Amino acid sequence: MILTLLGITLLASAPPIPPPTCLTSNGKTACGYFCKASFSELRCASTPYGTCATFNGQVYCFDPTAAAIHHPPDEGLRPECKTVAGEAACGFNCLVANGKVACAQTPYGACREHYGQLVCWDPSEATIHEFGSDIRRPDCLTANTSIGCGYDCKADYSQVKCAATPRGRCEKHNEVLECFDPPILTQDAHTQPPDPEEIRKPKSQRRQENPAEPTKKER
């Protein structure tokens, strides 16, 4: 009886994940979320947290990583797709420059253009799980034609090195750049995915604090 009540409670507390839908076009069928069709393509996102867009007869779909889903940014988890000059990319913090487009794969990533090259960098899944939405945004630094992104970046005349985590540190000794990152010791396990509609909203408008988001005391 107790186990039955526990099961009912867990089901009642689970967020309302919408069922996938199917779309048929030109004799083809695809199932998933946010399905889009063009004259030649038919695609769907794999999760209700993703997005799809159609540009120039092609369909592009994108799904956020698990860490981004469980730790949405304060402004809301809203992936996007952008296009320029026949190129397209999907993700977060997309950058369009010099007829090119690139996007980070998480809302905590950064993109930068340097010498006509678009570079995007994202902190690891483990790092996002450890810091959640409080994670510090990475920086990008350039030196001559080189570019590097991450944390505590340092550069000399020809190279850039960055730490991979916010607690990392880079130093230059005897003309050599070295970076060190402490190990990530946090173990983050999630039992239920968050409500797709809620995490798209800014944090101030969500029904309740995301239960997957660690508090500062827990860190």
Protein backbone atom coordinates (compact mmCIF):
# COMPACT_ATOMS: atom_id res chain seq x y z
CA MET A 1 0.00 0.00 0.00
CA ILE A 2 2.80 2.39 0.90
CA LEU A 3 4.62 1.60 -2.35
CA THR A 4 1.42 2.21 -4.31
CA LEU A 5 0.91 5.60 -2.67
CA LEU A 6 4.56 6.48 -3.30
CA GLY A 7 4.18 5.61 -6.97
CA ILE A 8 1.06 7.74 -7.25
CA THR A 9 2.85 10.65 -5.56
CA LEU A 10 5.83 10.42 -7.92
CA LEU A 11 3.56 10.30 -10.96
CA ALA A 12 1.58 13.28 -9.68
CA SER A 13 4.75 15.30 -9.16
CA ALA A 14 6.19 14.49 -12.57
CA PRO A 15 6.12 17.47 -14.96
CA PRO A 16 3.66 17.35 -17.88
CA ILE A 17 5.96 16.19 -20.69
CA PRO A 18 3.92 16.49 -23.89
CA PRO A 19 3.67 13.46 -26.17
CA PRO A 20 5.48 13.58 -29.51
CA THR A 21 3.55 14.39 -32.66
CA CYS A 22 3.90 13.11 -36.21
CA LEU A 23 3.95 15.10 -39.41
CA THR A 24 3.44 13.73 -42.92
CA SER A 25 4.58 15.60 -46.01
CA ASN A 26 5.32 14.49 -49.58
CA GLY A 27 4.85 10.85 -48.68
CA LYS A 28 7.23 10.97 -45.71
CA THR A 29 6.42 10.88 -42.01
CA ALA A 30 8.52 12.06 -39.07
CA CYS A 31 7.70 12.05 -35.37
CA GLY A 32 9.04 14.13 -32.53
CA TYR A 33 8.64 17.75 -31.47
CA PHE A 34 8.33 21.03 -33.38
CA CYS A 35 8.30 19.14 -36.67
CA LYS A 36 8.93 21.18 -39.82
CA ALA A 37 8.70 20.27 -43.48
CA SER A 38 10.10 21.74 -46.67
CA PHE A 39 9.77 20.54 -50.25
CA SER A 40 12.53 18.00 -49.75
CA GLU A 41 13.00 17.51 -46.01
CA LEU A 42 10.98 16.58 -42.95
CA ARG A 43 12.53 16.71 -39.48
CA CYS A 44 11.60 16.92 -35.81
CA ALA A 45 13.41 17.73 -32.61
CA SER A 46 13.98 14.72 -30.37
CA THR A 47 12.82 16.40 -27.15
CA PRO A 48 10.19 18.99 -26.16
CA TYR A 49 13.06 21.28 -25.18
CA GLY A 50 14.36 21.58 -28.74
CA THR A 51 13.47 23.66 -31.78
CA CYS A 52 13.25 23.35 -35.55
CA ALA A 53 13.39 25.95 -38.31
CA THR A 54 13.22 25.99 -42.09
CA PHE A 55 15.63 28.05 -44.17
CA ASN A 56 15.98 27.98 -47.94
CA GLY A 57 14.18 24.66 -48.31
CA GLN A 58 16.18 22.91 -45.59
CA VAL A 59 15.00 21.93 -42.12
CA TYR A 60 17.27 22.35 -39.12
CA CYS A 61 16.56 20.89 -35.68
CA PHE A 62 18.38 21.21 -32.38
CA ASP A 63 18.05 19.71 -28.90
CA PRO A 64 19.76 21.14 -25.80
CA THR A 65 22.08 19.01 -23.71
CA ALA A 66 20.81 17.33 -20.54
CA ALA A 67 22.78 19.73 -18.34
CA ALA A 68 21.18 22.75 -20.03
CA ILE A 69 17.72 21.23 -19.64
CA HIS A 70 18.12 20.56 -15.93
CA HIS A 71 19.89 23.85 -15.27
CA PRO A 72 18.14 26.45 -17.45
CA PRO A 73 19.49 30.02 -17.42
CA ASP A 74 17.63 32.71 -15.53
CA GLU A 75 16.43 34.27 -18.79
CA GLY A 76 14.86 30.98 -19.91
CA LEU A 77 16.00 28.06 -22.06
CA ARG A 78 15.20 29.15 -25.60
CA PRO A 79 17.38 27.65 -28.34
CA GLU A 80 17.33 29.37 -31.72
CA CYS A 81 18.30 28.83 -35.32
CA LYS A 82 19.86 31.52 -37.50
CA THR A 83 20.88 31.73 -41.12
CA VAL A 84 23.03 33.91 -43.33
CA ALA A 85 24.24 33.53 -46.91
CA GLY A 86 22.88 30.01 -47.23
CA GLU A 87 24.45 28.78 -43.98
CA ALA A 88 22.47 27.93 -40.87
CA ALA A 89 23.21 26.97 -37.28
CA CYS A 90 21.16 26.23 -34.19
CA GLY A 91 21.93 26.55 -30.50
CA PHE A 92 22.46 29.45 -28.13
CA ASN A 93 24.13 32.87 -28.25
CA CYS A 94 24.39 32.57 -32.01
CA LEU A 95 26.81 34.88 -33.80
CA VAL A 96 26.48 36.11 -37.38
CA ALA A 97 29.56 37.73 -38.90
CA ASN A 98 31.28 37.90 -42.27
CA GLY A 99 28.62 35.83 -43.99
CA LYS A 100 28.94 33.00 -41.46
CA VAL A 101 26.89 31.84 -38.51
CA ALA A 102 27.78 29.78 -35.44
CA CYS A 103 26.03 28.91 -32.18
CA ALA A 104 27.09 27.59 -28.80
CA GLN A 105 25.62 24.25 -27.81
CA THR A 106 24.58 25.40 -24.33
CA PRO A 107 23.18 28.70 -23.01
CA TYR A 108 26.42 29.09 -21.05
CA GLY A 109 28.67 29.01 -24.09
CA ALA A 110 30.28 31.88 -25.98
CA CYS A 111 30.94 32.63 -29.65
CA ARG A 112 33.53 35.01 -31.04
CA GLU A 113 34.73 36.08 -34.49
CA HIS A 114 38.45 36.54 -35.16
CA TYR A 115 40.18 36.91 -38.52
CA GLY A 116 37.05 35.70 -40.29
CA GLN A 117 36.80 32.59 -38.12
CA LEU A 118 33.79 31.98 -35.88
CA VAL A 119 34.64 30.05 -32.73
CA CYS A 120 32.16 28.76 -30.16
CA TRP A 121 33.07 27.21 -26.82
CA ASP A 122 30.95 25.59 -24.11
CA PRO A 123 31.71 24.51 -20.55
CA SER A 124 31.40 20.77 -20.01
CA GLU A 125 28.23 19.03 -18.91
CA ALA A 126 29.81 18.27 -15.52
CA THR A 127 30.75 21.93 -15.03
CA ILE A 128 27.20 23.09 -15.77
CA HIS A 129 25.83 20.49 -13.35
CA GLU A 130 28.18 21.77 -10.64
CA PHE A 131 27.48 25.49 -10.99
CA GLY A 132 23.98 25.54 -12.48
CA SER A 133 22.65 28.87 -13.69
CA ASP A 134 25.17 30.68 -11.47
CA ILE A 135 28.00 29.61 -13.73
CA ARG A 136 30.17 32.48 -14.85
CA ARG A 137 30.07 33.18 -18.56
CA PRO A 138 33.29 32.26 -20.37
CA ASP A 139 35.54 34.79 -22.05
CA CYS A 140 37.32 34.72 -25.40
CA LEU A 141 40.79 36.18 -25.85
CA THR A 142 42.83 36.72 -28.99
CA ALA A 143 46.54 36.92 -29.74
CA ASN A 144 47.65 37.58 -33.29
CA THR A 145 45.63 35.06 -35.33
CA SER A 146 44.97 32.76 -32.37
CA ILE A 147 41.80 32.70 -30.28
CA GLY A 148 40.88 30.83 -27.13
CA CYS A 149 37.75 30.71 -25.00
CA GLY A 150 37.16 29.58 -21.45
CA TYR A 151 38.05 31.00 -18.05
CA ASP A 152 40.95 33.09 -16.79
CA CYS A 153 42.36 33.22 -20.32
CA LYS A 154 45.95 34.34 -20.78
CA ALA A 155 47.79 35.20 -23.99
CA ASP A 156 51.26 35.92 -25.31
CA TYR A 157 52.20 37.16 -28.75
CA SER A 158 51.12 33.99 -30.56
CA GLN A 159 48.93 31.77 -28.39
CA VAL A 160 45.99 31.79 -26.00
CA LYS A 161 45.23 29.34 -23.22
CA CYS A 162 42.15 29.19 -21.03
CA ALA A 163 40.98 27.14 -18.08
CA ALA A 164 38.04 24.83 -18.68
CA THR A 165 36.17 25.61 -15.45
CA PRO A 166 35.36 28.78 -13.49
CA ARG A 167 37.67 27.62 -10.68
CA GLY A 168 40.57 27.09 -13.08
CA ARG A 169 43.61 29.32 -13.31
CA CYS A 170 46.11 30.18 -16.00
CA GLU A 171 49.58 31.63 -15.48
CA LYS A 172 52.61 32.45 -17.59
CA HIS A 173 55.99 31.25 -16.32
CA ASN A 174 59.22 31.54 -18.25
CA GLU A 175 57.35 32.40 -21.43
CA VAL A 176 55.17 29.30 -21.07
CA LEU A 177 51.41 29.47 -20.56
CA GLU A 178 49.97 26.85 -18.26
CA CYS A 179 46.40 26.27 -17.08
CA PHE A 180 45.06 24.13 -14.25
CA ASP A 181 41.52 23.05 -13.38
CA PRO A 182 40.55 21.47 -10.06
CA PRO A 183 38.60 18.25 -10.51
CA ILE A 184 34.83 18.41 -10.47
CA LEU A 185 33.67 16.42 -7.48
CA THR A 186 29.95 17.13 -7.62
CA GLN A 187 27.72 14.18 -8.43
CA ASP A 188 24.44 15.38 -9.92
CA ALA A 189 21.61 12.91 -10.48
CA HIS A 190 18.17 13.87 -11.78
CA THR A 191 15.08 11.71 -11.48
CA GLN A 192 12.54 13.76 -13.41
CA PRO A 193 12.96 16.13 -16.36
CA PRO A 194 11.66 19.68 -15.80
CA ASP A 195 8.50 21.08 -17.34
CA PRO A 196 9.39 22.19 -20.92
CA GLU A 197 7.04 25.18 -20.76
CA GLU A 198 8.33 26.40 -17.43
CA ILE A 199 12.04 26.42 -18.23
CA ARG A 200 11.45 28.52 -21.34
CA LYS A 201 10.23 31.31 -19.08
CA PRO A 202 12.50 33.73 -17.24
CA LYS A 203 13.26 32.49 -13.74
CA SER A 204 11.04 35.13 -12.13
CA GLN A 205 8.00 33.85 -14.04
CA ARG A 206 8.37 30.12 -13.35
CA ARG A 207 5.81 28.44 -11.12
CA GLN A 208 8.44 27.19 -8.74
CA GLU A 209 12.19 26.99 -8.40
CA ASN A 210 13.61 24.30 -10.66
CA PRO A 211 14.13 21.34 -8.29
CA ALA A 212 17.17 20.23 -10.30
CA GLU A 213 18.90 23.54 -9.69
CA PRO A 214 21.34 23.24 -6.76
CA THR A 215 21.25 25.93 -4.11
CA LYS A 216 24.36 27.76 -3.03
CA LYS A 217 24.30 25.91 0.30
CA GLU A 218 24.41 22.59 -1.53
CA ARG A 219 27.58 23.62 -3.33
